[in-house]
């Protein structure tokens, strides 16, 4: 009897979609209470993706660094405010960015094929996630909701296509280097 390859399922787009939503819940709702469970799970998941050669290291690192830079700028400007953190950004948000980076080449890959669709998803979807995080107490807005959401809509309409470009650019460069 032949057993199915578990790596195939762990690296699938449906698993990525479900995993990212569970990670979001663990990071945004659980925050510091669940980070010791969520962070190792994300590390193992990224290792599986790298092992299966579905992603390159740069496809995780570049989008993560871009997202963290944006969130850091928003925090330094006072638009985002986080409780209980000795870092600029809380650890759970860093872990969440690593997990989100995996979705750009997997479950959310379709949206990156068209820069206008990516801009629309970025301008609507990402601000909704931050608004949900704010409602759940994970982040506080230093400005009114109208100002904060307006900034996020414009920012992420520009930046989500950049994140997709970063994953494609790094993959193309890595592939060219090995050929």
N, C-alpha and C. Protein backbone atom coordinates (compact mmCIF):
# COMPACT_ATOMS: atom_id res chain seq x y z
N UNK A 1 0.84 -1.18 0.00
CA UNK A 1 0.00 0.00 0.00
C UNK A 1 0.89 1.24 0.00
N UNK A 2 0.56 2.17 -0.87
CA UNK A 2 1.36 3.38 -1.01
C UNK A 2 0.68 4.53 -0.26
N UNK A 3 1.47 5.20 0.57
CA UNK A 3 0.96 6.32 1.35
C UNK A 3 1.17 7.63 0.60
N UNK A 4 0.21 8.53 0.73
CA UNK A 4 0.37 9.83 0.06
C UNK A 4 1.52 10.63 0.69
N UNK A 5 2.11 11.47 -0.12
CA UNK A 5 3.21 12.31 0.32
C UNK A 5 2.65 13.50 1.09
N UNK A 6 2.92 13.59 2.40
CA UNK A 6 2.36 14.70 3.19
C UNK A 6 2.90 16.06 2.77
N UNK A 7 4.10 16.10 2.23
CA UNK A 7 4.69 17.37 1.78
C UNK A 7 3.83 17.96 0.67
N UNK A 8 3.31 17.11 -0.18
CA UNK A 8 2.47 17.58 -1.29
C UNK A 8 1.26 18.33 -0.75
N UNK A 9 0.65 17.82 0.29
CA UNK A 9 -0.53 18.47 0.87
C UNK A 9 -0.17 19.73 1.66
N UNK A 10 0.93 19.67 2.39
CA UNK A 10 1.36 20.83 3.16
C UNK A 10 1.76 21.99 2.26
N UNK A 11 2.22 21.67 1.05
CA UNK A 11 2.67 22.71 0.12
C UNK A 11 1.56 23.14 -0.84
N UNK A 12 0.36 22.62 -0.68
CA UNK A 12 -0.72 22.94 -1.62
C UNK A 12 -1.32 24.32 -1.34
N UNK A 13 -1.95 24.88 -2.35
CA UNK A 13 -2.59 26.19 -2.20
C UNK A 13 -3.75 26.16 -1.21
N UNK A 14 -4.60 25.14 -1.22
CA UNK A 14 -5.67 25.12 -0.21
C UNK A 14 -5.13 25.05 1.22
N UNK A 15 -4.08 24.26 1.44
CA UNK A 15 -3.49 24.19 2.77
C UNK A 15 -2.91 25.54 3.15
N UNK A 16 -2.24 26.21 2.20
CA UNK A 16 -1.66 27.52 2.47
C UNK A 16 -2.73 28.52 2.87
N UNK A 17 -3.86 28.48 2.18
CA UNK A 17 -4.96 29.39 2.50
C UNK A 17 -5.47 29.16 3.92
N UNK A 18 -5.72 27.90 4.25
CA UNK A 18 -6.23 27.56 5.59
C UNK A 18 -5.17 27.88 6.65
N UNK A 19 -3.92 27.51 6.38
CA UNK A 19 -2.85 27.75 7.34
C UNK A 19 -2.68 29.24 7.62
N UNK A 20 -2.70 30.06 6.57
CA UNK A 20 -2.53 31.49 6.77
C UNK A 20 -3.68 32.10 7.57
N UNK A 21 -4.87 31.61 7.37
CA UNK A 21 -5.99 32.12 8.16
C UNK A 21 -5.89 31.69 9.63
N UNK A 22 -5.45 30.47 9.87
CA UNK A 22 -5.25 30.01 11.25
C UNK A 22 -4.10 30.77 11.91
N UNK A 23 -3.05 31.03 11.15
CA UNK A 23 -1.93 31.81 11.68
C UNK A 23 -2.38 33.22 12.00
N UNK A 24 -3.20 33.81 11.14
CA UNK A 24 -3.72 35.16 11.39
C UNK A 24 -4.50 35.17 12.71
N UNK A 25 -5.35 34.18 12.89
CA UNK A 25 -6.13 34.08 14.12
C UNK A 25 -5.20 33.93 15.32
N UNK A 26 -4.22 33.04 15.22
CA UNK A 26 -3.29 32.83 16.31
C UNK A 26 -2.48 34.07 16.64
N UNK A 27 -2.06 34.79 15.60
CA UNK A 27 -1.23 35.98 15.82
C UNK A 27 -2.06 37.18 16.27
N UNK A 28 -3.19 37.42 15.64
CA UNK A 28 -3.97 38.62 15.93
C UNK A 28 -4.82 38.46 17.19
N UNK A 29 -5.44 37.34 17.36
CA UNK A 29 -6.27 37.13 18.55
C UNK A 29 -5.41 36.65 19.72
N UNK A 30 -4.53 35.69 19.46
CA UNK A 30 -3.72 35.13 20.54
C UNK A 30 -2.52 35.98 20.92
N UNK A 31 -1.94 36.63 19.95
CA UNK A 31 -0.76 37.47 20.14
C UNK A 31 0.29 36.79 21.01
N UNK A 32 0.68 37.42 22.10
CA UNK A 32 1.74 36.88 22.96
C UNK A 32 1.36 35.55 23.61
N UNK A 33 0.07 35.30 23.79
CA UNK A 33 -0.36 34.06 24.43
C UNK A 33 -0.13 32.83 23.56
N UNK A 34 -0.14 33.00 22.23
CA UNK A 34 -0.01 31.85 21.34
C UNK A 34 1.26 31.87 20.49
N UNK A 35 2.10 32.89 20.66
CA UNK A 35 3.26 33.02 19.80
C UNK A 35 4.21 31.83 19.92
N UNK A 36 4.30 31.22 21.07
CA UNK A 36 5.19 30.06 21.23
C UNK A 36 4.67 28.83 20.51
N UNK A 37 3.42 28.82 20.13
CA UNK A 37 2.86 27.77 19.28
C UNK A 37 2.93 28.15 17.81
N UNK A 38 2.57 29.39 17.51
CA UNK A 38 2.46 29.84 16.13
C UNK A 38 3.82 29.99 15.46
N UNK A 39 4.77 30.60 16.14
CA UNK A 39 6.09 30.85 15.53
C UNK A 39 6.77 29.55 15.08
N UNK A 40 6.86 28.52 15.92
CA UNK A 40 7.48 27.27 15.44
C UNK A 40 6.70 26.64 14.28
N UNK A 41 5.38 26.75 14.31
CA UNK A 41 4.58 26.20 13.21
C UNK A 41 4.91 26.91 11.90
N UNK A 42 5.07 28.22 11.96
CA UNK A 42 5.41 28.99 10.75
C UNK A 42 6.81 28.61 10.28
N UNK A 43 7.75 28.45 11.20
CA UNK A 43 9.11 28.06 10.82
C UNK A 43 9.11 26.70 10.13
N UNK A 44 8.39 25.75 10.69
CA UNK A 44 8.31 24.41 10.07
C UNK A 44 7.64 24.51 8.71
N UNK A 45 6.58 25.29 8.61
CA UNK A 45 5.87 25.43 7.33
C UNK A 45 6.77 26.04 6.26
N UNK A 46 7.50 27.08 6.61
CA UNK A 46 8.43 27.69 5.66
C UNK A 46 9.50 26.67 5.25
N UNK A 47 9.99 25.90 6.21
CA UNK A 47 10.98 24.87 5.90
C UNK A 47 10.43 23.84 4.92
N UNK A 48 9.16 23.45 5.09
CA UNK A 48 8.53 22.51 4.16
C UNK A 48 8.47 23.11 2.76
N UNK A 49 8.07 24.38 2.67
CA UNK A 49 7.99 25.04 1.37
C UNK A 49 9.36 25.14 0.71
N UNK A 50 10.36 25.47 1.49
CA UNK A 50 11.73 25.56 0.94
C UNK A 50 12.23 24.18 0.53
N UNK A 51 11.97 23.17 1.36
CA UNK A 51 12.39 21.80 1.06
C UNK A 51 11.74 21.30 -0.22
N UNK A 52 10.46 21.62 -0.39
CA UNK A 52 9.75 21.16 -1.59
C UNK A 52 10.10 21.97 -2.82
N UNK A 53 10.91 23.02 -2.65
CA UNK A 53 11.37 23.90 -3.72
C UNK A 53 10.23 24.66 -4.40
N UNK A 54 9.15 24.88 -3.65
CA UNK A 54 8.05 25.69 -4.16
C UNK A 54 8.31 27.17 -4.00
N UNK A 55 9.19 27.51 -3.08
CA UNK A 55 9.60 28.90 -2.91
C UNK A 55 11.10 28.95 -2.71
N UNK A 56 11.64 30.09 -3.00
CA UNK A 56 13.04 30.38 -2.72
C UNK A 56 13.09 31.24 -1.46
N UNK A 57 14.19 31.25 -0.80
CA UNK A 57 14.35 32.04 0.42
C UNK A 57 14.01 33.50 0.17
N UNK A 58 14.44 34.02 -0.96
CA UNK A 58 14.19 35.43 -1.27
C UNK A 58 12.70 35.74 -1.41
N UNK A 59 11.91 34.75 -1.80
CA UNK A 59 10.47 34.96 -1.94
C UNK A 59 9.78 35.10 -0.59
N UNK A 60 10.43 34.69 0.45
CA UNK A 60 9.91 34.88 1.80
C UNK A 60 10.53 36.14 2.41
N UNK A 61 11.84 36.28 2.26
CA UNK A 61 12.57 37.36 2.91
C UNK A 61 12.18 38.74 2.36
N UNK A 62 12.18 38.91 1.03
CA UNK A 62 11.90 40.24 0.46
C UNK A 62 10.52 40.77 0.83
N UNK A 63 9.45 40.02 0.61
CA UNK A 63 8.14 40.56 1.01
C UNK A 63 8.02 40.79 2.51
N UNK A 64 8.62 39.91 3.31
CA UNK A 64 8.58 40.08 4.75
C UNK A 64 9.27 41.38 5.15
N UNK A 65 10.42 41.63 4.60
CA UNK A 65 11.17 42.85 4.94
C UNK A 65 10.44 44.10 4.47
N UNK A 66 9.83 44.04 3.30
CA UNK A 66 9.06 45.19 2.81
C UNK A 66 7.86 45.46 3.74
N UNK A 67 7.13 44.41 4.07
CA UNK A 67 5.98 44.56 4.96
C UNK A 67 6.37 45.08 6.33
N UNK A 68 7.46 44.56 6.87
CA UNK A 68 7.92 45.02 8.18
C UNK A 68 8.39 46.47 8.12
N UNK A 69 9.01 46.86 7.02
CA UNK A 69 9.45 48.25 6.86
C UNK A 69 8.24 49.19 6.82
N UNK A 70 7.21 48.79 6.11
CA UNK A 70 5.99 49.61 6.02
C UNK A 70 5.33 49.72 7.39
N UNK A 71 5.16 48.58 8.06
CA UNK A 71 4.53 48.61 9.39
C UNK A 71 5.39 49.38 10.39
N UNK A 72 6.71 49.29 10.27
CA UNK A 72 7.59 50.06 11.16
C UNK A 72 7.43 51.55 10.92
N UNK A 73 7.35 51.95 9.64
CA UNK A 73 7.16 53.37 9.33
C UNK A 73 5.82 53.87 9.87
N UNK A 74 4.78 53.05 9.74
CA UNK A 74 3.47 53.43 10.25
C UNK A 74 3.47 53.50 11.79
N UNK A 75 4.26 52.66 12.41
CA UNK A 75 4.38 52.68 13.87
C UNK A 75 5.17 53.91 14.33
N UNK A 76 6.28 54.16 13.66
CA UNK A 76 7.09 55.33 14.01
C UNK A 76 6.34 56.64 13.80
N UNK A 77 5.46 56.66 12.80
CA UNK A 77 4.68 57.88 12.53
C UNK A 77 3.48 58.02 13.48
N UNK A 78 3.23 56.99 14.28
CA UNK A 78 2.14 57.06 15.25
C UNK A 78 0.80 56.58 14.72
N UNK A 79 0.76 56.13 13.48
CA UNK A 79 -0.49 55.63 12.92
C UNK A 79 -0.86 54.29 13.57
N UNK A 80 0.15 53.43 13.78
CA UNK A 80 -0.06 52.18 14.51
C UNK A 80 0.52 52.33 15.90
N UNK A 81 -0.16 51.72 16.85
CA UNK A 81 0.34 51.67 18.22
C UNK A 81 0.07 50.27 18.75
N UNK A 82 1.12 49.68 19.34
CA UNK A 82 1.01 48.33 19.86
C UNK A 82 1.29 48.34 21.36
N UNK A 83 0.57 47.50 22.09
CA UNK A 83 0.81 47.33 23.53
C UNK A 83 1.75 46.16 23.74
N UNK A 84 2.35 46.14 24.91
CA UNK A 84 3.14 44.99 25.37
C UNK A 84 4.24 44.56 24.41
N UNK A 85 4.99 45.52 23.89
CA UNK A 85 6.10 45.13 23.03
C UNK A 85 7.33 45.95 23.40
N UNK A 86 8.46 45.27 23.47
CA UNK A 86 9.72 45.97 23.72
C UNK A 86 10.45 46.23 22.41
N UNK A 87 9.91 45.69 21.33
CA UNK A 87 10.46 45.93 20.00
C UNK A 87 9.62 47.01 19.32
N UNK A 88 10.10 47.46 18.16
CA UNK A 88 9.31 48.41 17.39
C UNK A 88 7.99 47.76 16.99
N UNK A 89 8.07 46.52 16.53
CA UNK A 89 6.88 45.75 16.16
C UNK A 89 6.80 44.52 17.06
N UNK A 90 5.60 44.08 17.40
CA UNK A 90 5.49 42.87 18.23
C UNK A 90 5.92 41.63 17.44
N UNK A 91 6.42 40.65 18.15
CA UNK A 91 6.89 39.41 17.54
C UNK A 91 5.79 38.74 16.73
N UNK A 92 4.56 38.77 17.22
CA UNK A 92 3.47 38.12 16.50
C UNK A 92 3.26 38.75 15.12
N UNK A 93 3.50 40.05 14.98
CA UNK A 93 3.34 40.70 13.67
C UNK A 93 4.46 40.30 12.73
N UNK A 94 5.65 40.12 13.25
CA UNK A 94 6.78 39.65 12.43
C UNK A 94 6.49 38.25 11.90
N UNK A 95 6.01 37.39 12.77
CA UNK A 95 5.66 36.02 12.37
C UNK A 95 4.53 36.05 11.34
N UNK A 96 3.57 36.92 11.55
CA UNK A 96 2.45 37.04 10.60
C UNK A 96 2.94 37.46 9.22
N UNK A 97 3.91 38.36 9.16
CA UNK A 97 4.46 38.78 7.87
C UNK A 97 5.19 37.63 7.16
N UNK A 98 5.90 36.82 7.91
CA UNK A 98 6.57 35.66 7.31
C UNK A 98 5.52 34.73 6.71
N UNK A 99 4.47 34.46 7.45
CA UNK A 99 3.40 33.58 6.95
C UNK A 99 2.72 34.19 5.73
N UNK A 100 2.43 35.49 5.77
CA UNK A 100 1.78 36.14 4.63
C UNK A 100 2.65 36.05 3.39
N UNK A 101 3.96 36.16 3.55
CA UNK A 101 4.86 36.07 2.40
C UNK A 101 4.71 34.73 1.68
N UNK A 102 4.40 33.67 2.42
CA UNK A 102 4.22 32.36 1.77
C UNK A 102 3.00 32.34 0.86
N UNK A 103 2.01 33.16 1.18
CA UNK A 103 0.77 33.13 0.39
C UNK A 103 0.93 33.85 -0.96
N UNK A 104 1.91 34.72 -1.08
CA UNK A 104 2.09 35.47 -2.34
C UNK A 104 2.47 34.57 -3.50
N UNK A 105 3.13 33.47 -3.21
CA UNK A 105 3.50 32.51 -4.26
C UNK A 105 2.63 31.26 -4.22
N UNK A 106 1.61 31.29 -3.39
CA UNK A 106 0.75 30.11 -3.25
C UNK A 106 -0.72 30.49 -3.37
N UNK A 107 -1.42 30.53 -2.25
CA UNK A 107 -2.88 30.71 -2.30
C UNK A 107 -3.32 32.06 -2.84
N UNK A 108 -2.50 33.09 -2.72
CA UNK A 108 -2.86 34.41 -3.26
C UNK A 108 -2.13 34.74 -4.56
N UNK A 109 -1.45 33.77 -5.12
CA UNK A 109 -0.65 33.98 -6.33
C UNK A 109 -1.48 34.52 -7.49
N UNK A 110 -2.69 34.06 -7.61
CA UNK A 110 -3.57 34.48 -8.71
C UNK A 110 -3.73 36.00 -8.78
N UNK A 111 -3.86 36.64 -7.63
CA UNK A 111 -4.08 38.08 -7.59
C UNK A 111 -2.86 38.87 -8.06
N UNK A 112 -1.69 38.28 -7.98
CA UNK A 112 -0.48 38.96 -8.39
C UNK A 112 -0.22 38.92 -9.89
N UNK A 113 -1.02 38.19 -10.61
CA UNK A 113 -0.82 38.08 -12.07
C UNK A 113 -1.21 39.36 -12.80
N UNK A 114 -2.03 40.16 -12.17
CA UNK A 114 -2.46 41.41 -12.78
C UNK A 114 -2.25 42.53 -11.77
N UNK A 115 -1.45 43.53 -12.14
CA UNK A 115 -1.10 44.58 -11.17
C UNK A 115 -2.32 45.39 -10.74
N UNK A 116 -3.34 45.49 -11.58
CA UNK A 116 -4.54 46.24 -11.21
C UNK A 116 -5.38 45.46 -10.20
N UNK A 117 -5.46 44.16 -10.38
CA UNK A 117 -6.16 43.31 -9.40
C UNK A 117 -5.40 43.33 -8.08
N UNK A 118 -4.08 43.23 -8.15
CA UNK A 118 -3.26 43.27 -6.93
C UNK A 118 -3.46 44.60 -6.21
N UNK A 119 -3.51 45.69 -6.97
CA UNK A 119 -3.72 47.01 -6.36
C UNK A 119 -5.10 47.09 -5.70
N UNK A 120 -6.11 46.55 -6.37
CA UNK A 120 -7.47 46.58 -5.80
C UNK A 120 -7.55 45.73 -4.53
N UNK A 121 -6.97 44.55 -4.57
CA UNK A 121 -6.96 43.67 -3.40
C UNK A 121 -6.17 44.34 -2.27
N UNK A 122 -5.03 44.92 -2.61
CA UNK A 122 -4.22 45.60 -1.61
C UNK A 122 -4.94 46.79 -1.00
N UNK A 123 -5.63 47.55 -1.83
CA UNK A 123 -6.31 48.76 -1.36
C UNK A 123 -7.55 48.47 -0.54
N UNK A 124 -8.09 47.27 -0.66
CA UNK A 124 -9.30 46.92 0.09
C UNK A 124 -9.01 45.83 1.13
N UNK A 125 -8.41 44.73 0.70
CA UNK A 125 -8.24 43.57 1.57
C UNK A 125 -7.31 43.79 2.74
N UNK A 126 -6.18 44.39 2.50
CA UNK A 126 -5.22 44.57 3.59
C UNK A 126 -5.73 45.57 4.63
N UNK A 127 -6.30 46.71 4.21
CA UNK A 127 -6.87 47.60 5.24
C UNK A 127 -7.98 46.93 6.07
N UNK A 128 -8.75 46.05 5.44
CA UNK A 128 -9.79 45.34 6.19
C UNK A 128 -9.15 44.46 7.27
N UNK A 129 -8.03 43.81 6.94
CA UNK A 129 -7.33 42.99 7.93
C UNK A 129 -6.83 43.82 9.10
N UNK A 130 -6.29 44.99 8.80
CA UNK A 130 -5.81 45.85 9.89
C UNK A 130 -6.98 46.40 10.70
N UNK A 131 -8.08 46.69 10.05
CA UNK A 131 -9.26 47.16 10.77
C UNK A 131 -9.78 46.06 11.69
N UNK A 132 -9.79 44.83 11.19
CA UNK A 132 -10.20 43.70 12.03
C UNK A 132 -9.24 43.54 13.21
N UNK A 133 -7.94 43.68 12.94
CA UNK A 133 -6.96 43.61 14.02
C UNK A 133 -7.15 44.70 15.05
N UNK A 134 -7.54 45.87 14.59
CA UNK A 134 -7.80 46.98 15.51
C UNK A 134 -9.03 46.67 16.36
N UNK A 135 -10.07 46.13 15.74
CA UNK A 135 -11.29 45.79 16.49
C UNK A 135 -11.04 44.70 17.53
N UNK A 136 -10.05 43.83 17.25
CA UNK A 136 -9.72 42.75 18.17
C UNK A 136 -8.67 43.16 19.21
N UNK A 137 -8.24 44.42 19.17
CA UNK A 137 -7.31 44.93 20.15
C UNK A 137 -5.85 44.64 19.89
N UNK A 138 -5.51 44.16 18.69
CA UNK A 138 -4.12 43.84 18.37
C UNK A 138 -3.31 45.09 18.05
N UNK A 139 -3.97 46.10 17.51
CA UNK A 139 -3.32 47.35 17.14
C UNK A 139 -4.28 48.48 17.47
N UNK A 140 -3.72 49.63 17.76
CA UNK A 140 -4.53 50.82 17.98
C UNK A 140 -4.13 51.85 16.95
N UNK A 141 -5.10 52.57 16.47
CA UNK A 141 -4.83 53.60 15.46
C UNK A 141 -4.60 54.93 16.16
N UNK A 142 -3.51 55.59 15.78
CA UNK A 142 -3.18 56.88 16.36
C UNK A 142 -3.91 58.04 15.72
N UNK A 143 -4.58 57.75 14.62
CA UNK A 143 -5.38 58.75 13.91
C UNK A 143 -6.83 58.26 13.88
N UNK A 144 -7.72 59.07 13.36
CA UNK A 144 -9.11 58.64 13.23
C UNK A 144 -9.18 57.46 12.26
N UNK A 145 -10.26 56.71 12.34
CA UNK A 145 -10.43 55.58 11.43
C UNK A 145 -10.42 56.04 9.98
N UNK A 146 -11.06 57.14 9.69
CA UNK A 146 -11.12 57.64 8.32
C UNK A 146 -9.73 57.94 7.78
N UNK A 147 -8.92 58.64 8.54
CA UNK A 147 -7.56 58.97 8.10
C UNK A 147 -6.72 57.71 7.97
N UNK A 148 -6.76 56.86 8.99
CA UNK A 148 -5.95 55.64 8.99
C UNK A 148 -6.32 54.73 7.83
N UNK A 149 -7.59 54.47 7.65
CA UNK A 149 -8.03 53.57 6.57
C UNK A 149 -7.72 54.18 5.21
N UNK A 150 -7.87 55.49 5.07
CA UNK A 150 -7.53 56.15 3.80
C UNK A 150 -6.04 55.98 3.48
N UNK A 151 -5.20 56.19 4.48
CA UNK A 151 -3.75 56.00 4.29
C UNK A 151 -3.46 54.55 3.90
N UNK A 152 -4.07 53.62 4.62
CA UNK A 152 -3.83 52.19 4.35
C UNK A 152 -4.31 51.79 2.95
N UNK A 153 -5.46 52.30 2.54
CA UNK A 153 -5.98 51.97 1.21
C UNK A 153 -5.01 52.43 0.11
N UNK A 154 -4.56 53.65 0.21
CA UNK A 154 -3.63 54.18 -0.80
C UNK A 154 -2.30 53.44 -0.74
N UNK A 155 -1.77 53.30 0.47
CA UNK A 155 -0.48 52.66 0.66
C UNK A 155 -0.46 51.23 0.12
N UNK A 156 -1.47 50.44 0.50
CA UNK A 156 -1.47 49.03 0.10
C UNK A 156 -1.91 48.81 -1.34
N UNK A 157 -2.61 49.76 -1.92
CA UNK A 157 -2.90 49.67 -3.36
C UNK A 157 -1.61 49.78 -4.16
N UNK A 158 -0.66 50.49 -3.61
CA UNK A 158 0.65 50.62 -4.26
C UNK A 158 1.57 49.47 -3.85
N UNK A 159 1.57 49.14 -2.58
CA UNK A 159 2.56 48.21 -2.04
C UNK A 159 2.29 46.73 -2.29
N UNK A 160 1.05 46.30 -2.39
CA UNK A 160 0.82 44.88 -2.65
C UNK A 160 1.37 44.47 -4.02
N UNK A 161 1.14 45.25 -5.08
CA UNK A 161 1.81 44.88 -6.34
C UNK A 161 3.34 44.84 -6.22
N UNK A 162 3.91 45.71 -5.38
CA UNK A 162 5.36 45.71 -5.16
C UNK A 162 5.78 44.40 -4.48
N UNK A 163 4.97 43.91 -3.54
CA UNK A 163 5.29 42.64 -2.88
C UNK A 163 5.28 41.50 -3.89
N UNK A 164 4.29 41.49 -4.78
CA UNK A 164 4.25 40.47 -5.83
C UNK A 164 5.46 40.59 -6.74
N UNK A 165 5.82 41.80 -7.10
CA UNK A 165 6.99 42.02 -7.94
C UNK A 165 8.24 41.50 -7.24
N UNK A 166 8.34 41.74 -5.94
CA UNK A 166 9.51 41.27 -5.18
C UNK A 166 9.63 39.75 -5.23
N UNK A 167 8.50 39.05 -5.17
CA UNK A 167 8.57 37.58 -5.22
C UNK A 167 8.96 37.10 -6.61
N UNK A 168 8.42 37.71 -7.64
CA UNK A 168 8.75 37.31 -9.00
C UNK A 168 10.17 37.71 -9.36
N UNK A 169 10.56 38.90 -8.99
CA UNK A 169 11.90 39.38 -9.29
C UNK A 169 12.95 38.49 -8.65
N UNK A 170 12.77 38.19 -7.39
CA UNK A 170 13.76 37.37 -6.70
C UNK A 170 13.80 35.97 -7.27
N UNK A 171 12.64 35.41 -7.63
CA UNK A 171 12.59 34.08 -8.20
C UNK A 171 13.27 34.05 -9.55
N UNK A 172 13.01 35.04 -10.38
CA UNK A 172 13.63 35.11 -11.70
C UNK A 172 15.14 35.23 -11.56
N UNK A 173 15.61 36.06 -10.66
CA UNK A 173 17.05 36.26 -10.46
C UNK A 173 17.68 34.97 -9.95
N UNK A 174 17.02 34.28 -9.05
CA UNK A 174 17.56 33.04 -8.51
C UNK A 174 17.62 31.99 -9.59
N UNK A 175 16.56 31.88 -10.38
CA UNK A 175 16.52 30.89 -11.46
C UNK A 175 17.61 31.17 -12.48
N UNK A 176 17.80 32.44 -12.86
CA UNK A 176 18.82 32.81 -13.84
C UNK A 176 20.22 32.48 -13.32
N UNK A 177 20.43 32.65 -12.03
CA UNK A 177 21.73 32.39 -11.44
C UNK A 177 22.08 30.91 -11.45
N UNK A 178 21.05 30.04 -11.40
CA UNK A 178 21.31 28.60 -11.35
C UNK A 178 21.32 27.97 -12.73
N UNK A 179 20.88 28.69 -13.75
CA UNK A 179 20.83 28.11 -15.10
C UNK A 179 22.14 28.30 -15.81
